[in-house]
């Protein structure tokens, strides 16, 4: 599910017969024992960690001392904005039929 800047890995512990809302979270320090397991959803895990309600032994002390901030990344798409030459362009009409134009 994720990895921290210090090499701690976060995993969903999936259950074959359970819905994703019943999966737990496990944290491992560089894929070594011991593992920390959190019995809750990802949302609850994030709330508890960021509010310092639960302490993850693998996470550095003072992790939240600088405050909590979120900076969204800029979307950098490599997809072309228009189709390359020779590619068929068209539209789909109300009947679901594709009408091409070159």
PDB file of N, CA and C in Angstrom:
ATOM      1  N   UNK A   1       0.826  -1.182   0.000  1.00  0.00           N
ATOM      2  CA  UNK A   1       0.000   0.000   0.000  1.00  0.00           C
ATOM      3  C   UNK A   1       0.869   1.242   0.000  1.00  0.00           C
ATOM      4  N   UNK A   2       2.044   1.196   0.664  1.00  0.00           N
ATOM      5  CA  UNK A   2       2.888   2.377   0.712  1.00  0.00           C
ATOM      6  C   UNK A   2       4.213   2.116   1.375  1.00  0.00           C
ATOM      7  N   UNK A   3       5.070   3.101   1.293  1.00  0.00           N
ATOM      8  CA  UNK A   3       6.383   3.044   1.929  1.00  0.00           C
ATOM      9  C   UNK A   3       6.738   4.442   2.415  1.00  0.00           C
ATOM     10  N   UNK A   4       7.371   4.516   3.584  1.00  0.00           N
ATOM     11  CA  UNK A   4       7.778   5.814   4.124  1.00  0.00           C
ATOM     12  C   UNK A   4       9.152   6.188   3.595  1.00  0.00           C
ATOM     13  N   UNK A   5       9.547   7.415   3.859  1.00  0.00           N
ATOM     14  CA  UNK A   5      10.878   7.872   3.464  1.00  0.00           C
ATOM     15  C   UNK A   5      11.994   7.148   4.193  1.00  0.00           C
ATOM     16  N   UNK A   6      11.683   6.503   5.303  1.00  0.00           N
ATOM     17  CA  UNK A   6      12.685   5.757   6.073  1.00  0.00           C
ATOM     18  C   UNK A   6      12.703   4.273   5.737  1.00  0.00           C
ATOM     19  N   UNK A   7      11.925   3.861   4.767  1.00  0.00           N
ATOM     20  CA  UNK A   7      11.915   2.461   4.353  1.00  0.00           C
ATOM     21  C   UNK A   7      10.965   1.576   5.123  1.00  0.00           C
ATOM     22  N   UNK A   8      10.001   2.170   5.822  1.00  0.00           N
ATOM     23  CA  UNK A   8       8.966   1.387   6.499  1.00  0.00           C
ATOM     24  C   UNK A   8       7.869   1.073   5.482  1.00  0.00           C
ATOM     25  N   UNK A   9       7.458  -0.193   5.430  1.00  0.00           N
ATOM     26  CA  UNK A   9       6.440  -0.618   4.466  1.00  0.00           C
ATOM     27  C   UNK A   9       5.089  -0.758   5.149  1.00  0.00           C
ATOM     28  N   UNK A  10       4.044  -0.302   4.476  1.00  0.00           N
ATOM     29  CA  UNK A  10       2.678  -0.416   4.972  1.00  0.00           C
ATOM     30  C   UNK A  10       1.911  -1.335   4.027  1.00  0.00           C
ATOM     31  N   UNK A  11       1.194  -2.291   4.614  1.00  0.00           N
ATOM     32  CA  UNK A  11       0.465  -3.284   3.833  1.00  0.00           C
ATOM     33  C   UNK A  11      -0.973  -3.384   4.301  1.00  0.00           C
ATOM     34  N   UNK A  12      -1.863  -3.754   3.382  1.00  0.00           N
ATOM     35  CA  UNK A  12      -3.201  -4.202   3.740  1.00  0.00           C
ATOM     36  C   UNK A  12      -3.090  -5.693   4.015  1.00  0.00           C
ATOM     37  N   UNK A  13      -3.647  -6.139   5.118  1.00  0.00           N
ATOM     38  CA  UNK A  13      -3.743  -7.571   5.399  1.00  0.00           C
ATOM     39  C   UNK A  13      -5.141  -7.977   4.954  1.00  0.00           C
ATOM     40  N   UNK A  14      -5.207  -8.569   3.787  1.00  0.00           N
ATOM     41  CA  UNK A  14      -6.504  -8.900   3.185  1.00  0.00           C
ATOM     42  C   UNK A  14      -7.030 -10.213   3.742  1.00  0.00           C
ATOM     43  N   UNK A  15      -8.312 -10.317   3.778  1.00  0.00           N
ATOM     44  CA  UNK A  15      -8.991 -11.529   4.230  1.00  0.00           C
ATOM     45  C   UNK A  15      -9.806 -12.054   3.058  1.00  0.00           C
ATOM     46  N   UNK A  16      -9.656 -13.330   2.768  1.00  0.00           N
ATOM     47  CA  UNK A  16     -10.345 -13.904   1.611  1.00  0.00           C
ATOM     48  C   UNK A  16     -11.860 -13.767   1.698  1.00  0.00           C
ATOM     49  N   UNK A  17     -12.420 -13.933   2.875  1.00  0.00           N
ATOM     50  CA  UNK A  17     -13.875 -13.906   2.974  1.00  0.00           C
ATOM     51  C   UNK A  17     -14.402 -12.543   3.412  1.00  0.00           C
ATOM     52  N   UNK A  18     -13.527 -11.599   3.676  1.00  0.00           N
ATOM     53  CA  UNK A  18     -13.979 -10.317   4.192  1.00  0.00           C
ATOM     54  C   UNK A  18     -13.943  -9.206   3.163  1.00  0.00           C
ATOM     55  N   UNK A  19     -14.751  -8.208   3.421  1.00  0.00           N
ATOM     56  CA  UNK A  19     -14.768  -7.027   2.564  1.00  0.00           C
ATOM     57  C   UNK A  19     -13.567  -6.144   2.902  1.00  0.00           C
ATOM     58  N   UNK A  20     -13.130  -5.297   1.991  1.00  0.00           N
ATOM     59  CA  UNK A  20     -11.984  -4.427   2.248  1.00  0.00           C
ATOM     60  C   UNK A  20     -12.116  -3.581   3.516  1.00  0.00           C
ATOM     61  N   UNK A  21     -13.316  -3.244   3.924  1.00  0.00           N
ATOM     62  CA  UNK A  21     -13.487  -2.475   5.160  1.00  0.00           C
ATOM     63  C   UNK A  21     -13.057  -3.260   6.389  1.00  0.00           C
ATOM     64  N   UNK A  22     -12.893  -4.569   6.265  1.00  0.00           N
ATOM     65  CA  UNK A  22     -12.472  -5.390   7.395  1.00  0.00           C
ATOM     66  C   UNK A  22     -10.990  -5.748   7.347  1.00  0.00           C
ATOM     67  N   UNK A  23     -10.276  -5.305   6.315  1.00  0.00           N
ATOM     68  CA  UNK A  23      -8.847  -5.563   6.233  1.00  0.00           C
ATOM     69  C   UNK A  23      -8.131  -4.741   7.290  1.00  0.00           C
ATOM     70  N   UNK A  24      -7.011  -5.254   7.784  1.00  0.00           N
ATOM     71  CA  UNK A  24      -6.205  -4.525   8.751  1.00  0.00           C
ATOM     72  C   UNK A  24      -4.976  -3.950   8.056  1.00  0.00           C
ATOM     73  N   UNK A  25      -4.227  -3.146   8.779  1.00  0.00           N
ATOM     74  CA  UNK A  25      -3.013  -2.517   8.253  1.00  0.00           C
ATOM     75  C   UNK A  25      -1.829  -3.080   9.025  1.00  0.00           C
ATOM     76  N   UNK A  26      -0.752  -3.425   8.332  1.00  0.00           N
ATOM     77  CA  UNK A  26       0.481  -3.843   8.984  1.00  0.00           C
ATOM     78  C   UNK A  26       1.616  -2.950   8.523  1.00  0.00           C
ATOM     79  N   UNK A  27       2.524  -2.689   9.457  1.00  0.00           N
ATOM     80  CA  UNK A  27       3.690  -1.859   9.174  1.00  0.00           C
ATOM     81  C   UNK A  27       4.931  -2.679   9.498  1.00  0.00           C
ATOM     82  N   UNK A  28       5.903  -2.648   8.596  1.00  0.00           N
ATOM     83  CA  UNK A  28       7.145  -3.385   8.769  1.00  0.00           C
ATOM     84  C   UNK A  28       8.313  -2.443   8.536  1.00  0.00           C
ATOM     85  N   UNK A  29       9.323  -2.580   9.368  1.00  0.00           N
ATOM     86  CA  UNK A  29      10.536  -1.782   9.193  1.00  0.00           C
ATOM     87  C   UNK A  29      11.454  -2.517   8.229  1.00  0.00           C
ATOM     88  N   UNK A  30      11.523  -2.007   7.021  1.00  0.00           N
ATOM     89  CA  UNK A  30      12.368  -2.585   5.974  1.00  0.00           C
ATOM     90  C   UNK A  30      12.151  -4.095   5.835  1.00  0.00           C
ATOM     91  N   UNK A  31      10.895  -4.521   5.922  1.00  0.00           N
ATOM     92  CA  UNK A  31      10.493  -5.916   5.739  1.00  0.00           C
ATOM     93  C   UNK A  31      11.136  -6.858   6.751  1.00  0.00           C
ATOM     94  N   UNK A  32      11.380  -6.351   7.971  1.00  0.00           N
ATOM     95  CA  UNK A  32      11.925  -7.184   9.039  1.00  0.00           C
ATOM     96  C   UNK A  32      10.907  -7.272  10.173  1.00  0.00           C
ATOM     97  N   UNK A  33      11.064  -8.293  11.011  1.00  0.00           N
ATOM     98  CA  UNK A  33      10.235  -8.394  12.221  1.00  0.00           C
ATOM     99  C   UNK A  33      10.757  -7.390  13.245  1.00  0.00           C
ATOM    100  N   UNK A  34       9.962  -6.912  14.151  1.00  0.00           N
ATOM    101  CA  UNK A  34       8.557  -7.228  14.357  1.00  0.00           C
ATOM    102  C   UNK A  34       7.661  -6.389  13.457  1.00  0.00           C
ATOM    103  N   UNK A  35       6.446  -6.855  13.274  1.00  0.00           N
ATOM    104  CA  UNK A  35       5.435  -6.150  12.511  1.00  0.00           C
ATOM    105  C   UNK A  35       4.473  -5.486  13.472  1.00  0.00           C
ATOM    106  N   UNK A  36       3.994  -4.310  13.101  1.00  0.00           N
ATOM    107  CA  UNK A  36       2.938  -3.640  13.859  1.00  0.00           C
ATOM    108  C   UNK A  36       1.652  -3.817  13.069  1.00  0.00           C
ATOM    109  N   UNK A  37       0.594  -4.246  13.741  1.00  0.00           N
ATOM    110  CA  UNK A  37      -0.696  -4.421  13.069  1.00  0.00           C
ATOM    111  C   UNK A  37      -1.715  -3.482  13.686  1.00  0.00           C
ATOM    112  N   UNK A  38      -2.444  -2.787  12.814  1.00  0.00           N
ATOM    113  CA  UNK A  38      -3.493  -1.864  13.222  1.00  0.00           C
ATOM    114  C   UNK A  38      -4.827  -2.453  12.793  1.00  0.00           C
ATOM    115  N   UNK A  39      -5.736  -2.612  13.721  1.00  0.00           N
ATOM    116  CA  UNK A  39      -7.051  -3.178  13.412  1.00  0.00           C
ATOM    117  C   UNK A  39      -8.038  -2.069  13.101  1.00  0.00           C
ATOM    118  N   UNK A  40      -8.046  -1.633  11.873  1.00  0.00           N
ATOM    119  CA  UNK A  40      -8.953  -0.584  11.441  1.00  0.00           C
ATOM    120  C   UNK A  40      -8.752  -0.300   9.969  1.00  0.00           C
ATOM    121  N   UNK A  41      -9.554   0.601   9.458  1.00  0.00           N
ATOM    122  CA  UNK A  41      -9.483   0.973   8.038  1.00  0.00           C
ATOM    123  C   UNK A  41      -8.295   1.888   7.793  1.00  0.00           C
ATOM    124  N   UNK A  42      -7.974   2.102   6.543  1.00  0.00           N
ATOM    125  CA  UNK A  42      -6.884   3.012   6.185  1.00  0.00           C
ATOM    126  C   UNK A  42      -7.187   4.419   6.681  1.00  0.00           C
ATOM    127  N   UNK A  43      -8.426   4.851   6.538  1.00  0.00           N
ATOM    128  CA  UNK A  43      -8.804   6.184   6.996  1.00  0.00           C
ATOM    129  C   UNK A  43      -8.604   6.321   8.496  1.00  0.00           C
ATOM    130  N   UNK A  44      -9.066   5.344   9.258  1.00  0.00           N
ATOM    131  CA  UNK A  44      -8.891   5.376  10.713  1.00  0.00           C
ATOM    132  C   UNK A  44      -7.414   5.339  11.082  1.00  0.00           C
ATOM    133  N   UNK A  45      -6.623   4.549  10.359  1.00  0.00           N
ATOM    134  CA  UNK A  45      -5.184   4.476  10.591  1.00  0.00           C
ATOM    135  C   UNK A  45      -4.540   5.850  10.412  1.00  0.00           C
ATOM    136  N   UNK A  46      -4.856   6.504   9.306  1.00  0.00           N
ATOM    137  CA  UNK A  46      -4.276   7.832   9.052  1.00  0.00           C
ATOM    138  C   UNK A  46      -4.697   8.842  10.115  1.00  0.00           C
ATOM    139  N   UNK A  47      -5.961   8.829  10.491  1.00  0.00           N
ATOM    140  CA  UNK A  47      -6.447   9.742  11.530  1.00  0.00           C
ATOM    141  C   UNK A  47      -5.711   9.483  12.836  1.00  0.00           C
ATOM    142  N   UNK A  48      -5.604   8.224  13.230  1.00  0.00           N
ATOM    143  CA  UNK A  48      -4.961   7.899  14.500  1.00  0.00           C
ATOM    144  C   UNK A  48      -3.463   8.218  14.500  1.00  0.00           C
ATOM    145  N   UNK A  49      -2.788   7.946  13.398  1.00  0.00           N
ATOM    146  CA  UNK A  49      -1.350   8.256  13.330  1.00  0.00           C
ATOM    147  C   UNK A  49      -1.131   9.771  13.317  1.00  0.00           C
ATOM    148  N   UNK A  50      -1.879  10.490  12.473  1.00  0.00           N
ATOM    149  CA  UNK A  50      -1.668  11.928  12.347  1.00  0.00           C
ATOM    150  C   UNK A  50      -2.159  12.728  13.542  1.00  0.00           C
ATOM    151  N   UNK A  51      -3.054  12.155  14.339  1.00  0.00           N
ATOM    152  CA  UNK A  51      -3.502  12.841  15.549  1.00  0.00           C
ATOM    153  C   UNK A  51      -2.731  12.349  16.775  1.00  0.00           C
ATOM    154  N   UNK A  52      -1.752  11.479  16.556  1.00  0.00           N
ATOM    155  CA  UNK A  52      -0.904  10.920  17.617  1.00  0.00           C
ATOM    156  C   UNK A  52      -1.710  10.105  18.624  1.00  0.00           C
ATOM    157  N   UNK A  53      -2.842   9.568  18.196  1.00  0.00           N
ATOM    158  CA  UNK A  53      -3.644   8.696  19.048  1.00  0.00           C
ATOM    159  C   UNK A  53      -2.976   7.334  19.173  1.00  0.00           C
ATOM    160  N   UNK A  54      -2.312   6.898  18.129  1.00  0.00           N
ATOM    161  CA  UNK A  54      -1.597   5.627  18.132  1.00  0.00           C
ATOM    162  C   UNK A  54      -0.157   5.919  17.706  1.00  0.00           C
ATOM    163  N   UNK A  55       0.770   5.232  18.334  1.00  0.00           N
ATOM    164  CA  UNK A  55       2.179   5.396  17.985  1.00  0.00           C
ATOM    165  C   UNK A  55       2.662   4.119  17.301  1.00  0.00           C
ATOM    166  N   UNK A  56       3.259   4.272  16.144  1.00  0.00           N
ATOM    167  CA  UNK A  56       3.813   3.138  15.403  1.00  0.00           C
ATOM    168  C   UNK A  56       5.280   3.016  15.816  1.00  0.00           C
ATOM    169  N   UNK A  57       5.699   1.923  16.420  1.00  0.00           N
ATOM    170  CA  UNK A  57       7.072   1.808  16.927  1.00  0.00           C
ATOM    171  C   UNK A  57       8.145   2.025  15.860  1.00  0.00           C
ATOM    172  N   UNK A  58       7.852   1.696  14.608  1.00  0.00           N
ATOM    173  CA  UNK A  58       8.843   1.842  13.548  1.00  0.00           C
ATOM    174  C   UNK A  58       9.026   3.296  13.111  1.00  0.00           C
ATOM    175  N   UNK A  59       8.017   4.122  13.332  1.00  0.00           N
ATOM    176  CA  UNK A  59       8.099   5.510  12.891  1.00  0.00           C
ATOM    177  C   UNK A  59       8.981   6.291  13.862  1.00  0.00           C
ATOM    178  N   UNK A  60       9.759   7.197  13.328  1.00  0.00           N
ATOM    179  CA  UNK A  60      10.689   7.978  14.136  1.00  0.00           C
ATOM    180  C   UNK A  60       9.971   8.794  15.199  1.00  0.00           C
ATOM    181  N   UNK A  61      10.558   8.898  16.390  1.00  0.00           N
ATOM    182  CA  UNK A  61       9.987   9.806  17.392  1.00  0.00           C
ATOM    183  C   UNK A  61      10.003  11.229  16.846  1.00  0.00           C
ATOM    184  N   UNK A  62       9.008  11.998  17.174  1.00  0.00           N
ATOM    185  CA  UNK A  62       8.945  13.370  16.684  1.00  0.00           C
ATOM    186  C   UNK A  62       8.488  13.489  15.248  1.00  0.00           C
ATOM    187  N   UNK A  63       7.900  12.431  14.731  1.00  0.00           N
ATOM    188  CA  UNK A  63       7.439  12.421  13.337  1.00  0.00           C
ATOM    189  C   UNK A  63       6.535  13.610  13.030  1.00  0.00           C
ATOM    190  N   UNK A  64       5.688  13.979  13.982  1.00  0.00           N
ATOM    191  CA  UNK A  64       4.704  15.042  13.745  1.00  0.00           C
ATOM    192  C   UNK A  64       5.114  16.379  14.351  1.00  0.00           C
ATOM    193  N   UNK A  65       6.349  16.474  14.856  1.00  0.00           N
ATOM    194  CA  UNK A  65       6.781  17.712  15.510  1.00  0.00           C
ATOM    195  C   UNK A  65       6.726  18.930  14.603  1.00  0.00           C
ATOM    196  N   UNK A  66       6.933  18.750  13.334  1.00  0.00           N
ATOM    197  CA  UNK A  66       6.912  19.866  12.392  1.00  0.00           C
ATOM    198  C   UNK A  66       5.519  20.235  11.920  1.00  0.00           C
ATOM    199  N   UNK A  67       4.504  19.557  12.437  1.00  0.00           N
ATOM    200  CA  UNK A  67       3.138  19.809  11.993  1.00  0.00           C
ATOM    201  C   UNK A  67       2.777  18.903  10.834  1.00  0.00           C
ATOM    202  N   UNK A  68       1.535  18.974  10.454  1.00  0.00           N
ATOM    203  CA  UNK A  68       1.021  18.153   9.367  1.00  0.00           C
ATOM    204  C   UNK A  68       0.725  19.055   8.180  1.00  0.00           C
ATOM    205  N   UNK A  69       1.211  18.671   7.022  1.00  0.00           N
ATOM    206  CA  UNK A  69       0.960  19.450   5.805  1.00  0.00           C
ATOM    207  C   UNK A  69       0.715  18.484   4.655  1.00  0.00           C
ATOM    208  N   UNK A  70      -0.067  18.928   3.712  1.00  0.00           N
ATOM    209  CA  UNK A  70      -0.327  18.156   2.506  1.00  0.00           C
ATOM    210  C   UNK A  70      -0.092  19.052   1.313  1.00  0.00           C
ATOM    211  N   UNK A  71       0.754  18.624   0.430  1.00  0.00           N
ATOM    212  CA  UNK A  71       1.027  19.367  -0.791  1.00  0.00           C
ATOM    213  C   UNK A  71       0.702  18.460  -1.971  1.00  0.00           C
ATOM    214  N   UNK A  72      -0.371  18.745  -2.700  1.00  0.00           N
ATOM    215  CA  UNK A  72      -0.715  17.883  -3.829  1.00  0.00           C
ATOM    216  C   UNK A  72       0.334  17.982  -4.933  1.00  0.00           C
ATOM    217  N   UNK A  73       0.588  16.878  -5.574  1.00  0.00           N
ATOM    218  CA  UNK A  73       1.537  16.853  -6.682  1.00  0.00           C
ATOM    219  C   UNK A  73       0.873  17.423  -7.925  1.00  0.00           C
ATOM    220  N   UNK A  74       1.678  17.981  -8.800  1.00  0.00           N
ATOM    221  CA  UNK A  74       1.185  18.458 -10.083  1.00  0.00           C
ATOM    222  C   UNK A  74       1.056  17.269 -11.019  1.00  0.00           C
ATOM    223  N   UNK A  75      -0.091  17.144 -11.667  1.00  0.00           N
ATOM    224  CA  UNK A  75      -0.294  16.075 -12.625  1.00  0.00           C
ATOM    225  C   UNK A  75       0.585  16.336 -13.836  1.00  0.00           C
ATOM    226  N   UNK A  76       1.419  15.386 -14.154  1.00  0.00           N
ATOM    227  CA  UNK A  76       2.304  15.507 -15.306  1.00  0.00           C
ATOM    228  C   UNK A  76       2.021  14.361 -16.257  1.00  0.00           C
ATOM    229  N   UNK A  77       1.095  14.595 -17.150  1.00  0.00           N
ATOM    230  CA  UNK A  77       0.694  13.561 -18.083  1.00  0.00           C
ATOM    231  C   UNK A  77       1.605  13.569 -19.293  1.00  0.00           C
ATOM    232  N   UNK A  78       1.930  12.390 -19.774  1.00  0.00           N
ATOM    233  CA  UNK A  78       2.707  12.274 -21.002  1.00  0.00           C
ATOM    234  C   UNK A  78       1.806  11.950 -22.189  1.00  0.00           C
ATOM    235  N   UNK A  79       0.496  11.888 -21.933  1.00  0.00           N
ATOM    236  CA  UNK A  79      -0.446  11.579 -23.009  1.00  0.00           C
ATOM    237  C   UNK A  79      -0.554  12.766 -23.961  1.00  0.00           C
ATOM    238  N   UNK A  80      -0.603  12.504 -25.247  1.00  0.00           N
ATOM    239  CA  UNK A  80      -0.759  13.606 -26.198  1.00  0.00           C
ATOM    240  C   UNK A  80      -2.124  14.266 -26.046  1.00  0.00           C
ATOM    241  N   UNK A  81      -2.151  15.568 -26.270  1.00  0.00           N
ATOM    242  CA  UNK A  81      -3.420  16.285 -26.163  1.00  0.00           C
ATOM    243  C   UNK A  81      -4.253  16.124 -27.429  1.00  0.00           C
ATOM    244  N   UNK A  82      -3.636  15.792 -28.533  1.00  0.00           N
ATOM    245  CA  UNK A  82      -4.357  15.511 -29.774  1.00  0.00           C
ATOM    246  C   UNK A  82      -3.817  14.205 -30.343  1.00  0.00           C
ATOM    247  N   UNK A  83      -4.611  13.576 -31.163  1.00  0.00           N
ATOM    248  CA  UNK A  83      -4.182  12.322 -31.775  1.00  0.00           C
ATOM    249  C   UNK A  83      -3.089  12.591 -32.799  1.00  0.00           C
ATOM    250  N   UNK A  84      -2.118  11.713 -32.886  1.00  0.00           N
ATOM    251  CA  UNK A  84      -1.062  11.865 -33.888  1.00  0.00           C
ATOM    252  C   UNK A  84      -1.638  11.760 -35.297  1.00  0.00           C
ATOM    253  N   UNK A  85      -0.917  12.287 -36.292  1.00  0.00           N
ATOM    254  CA  UNK A  85      -1.390  12.197 -37.680  1.00  0.00           C
ATOM    255  C   UNK A  85      -1.632  10.738 -38.077  1.00  0.00           C
ATOM    256  N   UNK A  86      -2.682  10.525 -38.857  1.00  0.00           N
ATOM    257  CA  UNK A  86      -3.009   9.195 -39.342  1.00  0.00           C
ATOM    258  C   UNK A  86      -3.925   8.412 -38.413  1.00  0.00           C
ATOM    259  N   UNK A  87      -4.244   8.995 -37.258  1.00  0.00           N
ATOM    260  CA  UNK A  87      -5.151   8.331 -36.328  1.00  0.00           C
ATOM    261  C   UNK A  87      -6.567   8.810 -36.616  1.00  0.00           C
ATOM    262  N   UNK A  88      -7.483   7.899 -36.638  1.00  0.00           N
ATOM    263  CA  UNK A  88      -8.869   8.228 -36.923  1.00  0.00           C
ATOM    264  C   UNK A  88      -9.487   9.012 -35.771  1.00  0.00           C
ATOM    265  N   UNK A  89     -10.152  10.114 -36.075  1.00  0.00           N
ATOM    266  CA  UNK A  89     -10.888  10.904 -35.099  1.00  0.00           C
ATOM    267  C   UNK A  89     -12.366  10.671 -35.348  1.00  0.00           C
ATOM    268  N   UNK A  90     -13.159  10.897 -34.353  1.00  0.00           N
ATOM    269  CA  UNK A  90     -14.582  10.735 -34.581  1.00  0.00           C
ATOM    270  C   UNK A  90     -15.395  11.040 -33.345  1.00  0.00           C
ATOM    271  N   UNK A  91     -16.668  10.762 -33.477  1.00  0.00           N
ATOM    272  CA  UNK A  91     -17.597  10.987 -32.377  1.00  0.00           C
ATOM    273  C   UNK A  91     -18.515   9.786 -32.266  1.00  0.00           C
ATOM    274  N   UNK A  92     -19.109   9.651 -31.103  1.00  0.00           N
ATOM    275  CA  UNK A  92     -20.100   8.598 -30.884  1.00  0.00           C
ATOM    276  C   UNK A  92     -21.460   9.274 -30.850  1.00  0.00           C
ATOM    277  N   UNK A  93     -22.388   8.779 -31.698  1.00  0.00           N
ATOM    278  CA  UNK A  93     -23.714   9.401 -31.727  1.00  0.00           C
ATOM    279  C   UNK A  93     -24.597   8.833 -30.610  1.00  0.00           C
ATOM    280  N   UNK A  94     -25.825   9.300 -30.523  1.00  0.00           N
ATOM    281  CA  UNK A  94     -26.738   8.879 -29.451  1.00  0.00           C
ATOM    282  C   UNK A  94     -27.050   7.389 -29.488  1.00  0.00           C
ATOM    283  N   UNK A  95     -26.901   6.766 -30.618  1.00  0.00           N
ATOM    284  CA  UNK A  95     -27.163   5.322 -30.741  1.00  0.00           C
ATOM    285  C   UNK A  95     -25.942   4.498 -30.329  1.00  0.00           C
ATOM    286  N   UNK A  96     -24.849   5.169 -30.004  1.00  0.00           N
ATOM    287  CA  UNK A  96     -23.639   4.471 -29.628  1.00  0.00           C
ATOM    288  C   UNK A  96     -22.776   4.084 -30.806  1.00  0.00           C
ATOM    289  N   UNK A  97     -23.097   4.602 -31.997  1.00  0.00           N
ATOM    290  CA  UNK A  97     -22.311   4.293 -33.177  1.00  0.00           C
ATOM    291  C   UNK A  97     -21.188   5.306 -33.343  1.00  0.00           C
ATOM    292  N   UNK A  98     -20.029   4.820 -33.729  1.00  0.00           N
ATOM    293  CA  UNK A  98     -18.872   5.687 -33.922  1.00  0.00           C
ATOM    294  C   UNK A  98     -18.874   6.206 -35.351  1.00  0.00           C
ATOM    295  N   UNK A  99     -18.758   7.524 -35.499  1.00  0.00           N
ATOM    296  CA  UNK A  99     -18.657   8.147 -36.822  1.00  0.00           C
ATOM    297  C   UNK A  99     -17.269   8.690 -36.954  1.00  0.00           C
ATOM    298  N   UNK A 100     -16.531   8.192 -37.928  1.00  0.00           N
ATOM    299  CA  UNK A 100     -15.139   8.609 -38.078  1.00  0.00           C
ATOM    300  C   UNK A 100     -15.036   9.814 -38.997  1.00  0.00           C
ATOM    301  N   UNK A 101     -14.000  10.564 -38.783  1.00  0.00           N
ATOM    302  CA  UNK A 101     -13.606  11.636 -39.689  1.00  0.00           C
ATOM    303  C   UNK A 101     -12.087  11.673 -39.707  1.00  0.00           C
ATOM    304  N   UNK A 102     -11.552  11.861 -40.891  1.00  0.00           N
ATOM    305  CA  UNK A 102     -10.079  11.855 -41.029  1.00  0.00           C
ATOM    306  C   UNK A 102      -9.577  13.235 -41.161  1.00  0.00           C
TER     307      UNK A 102
END
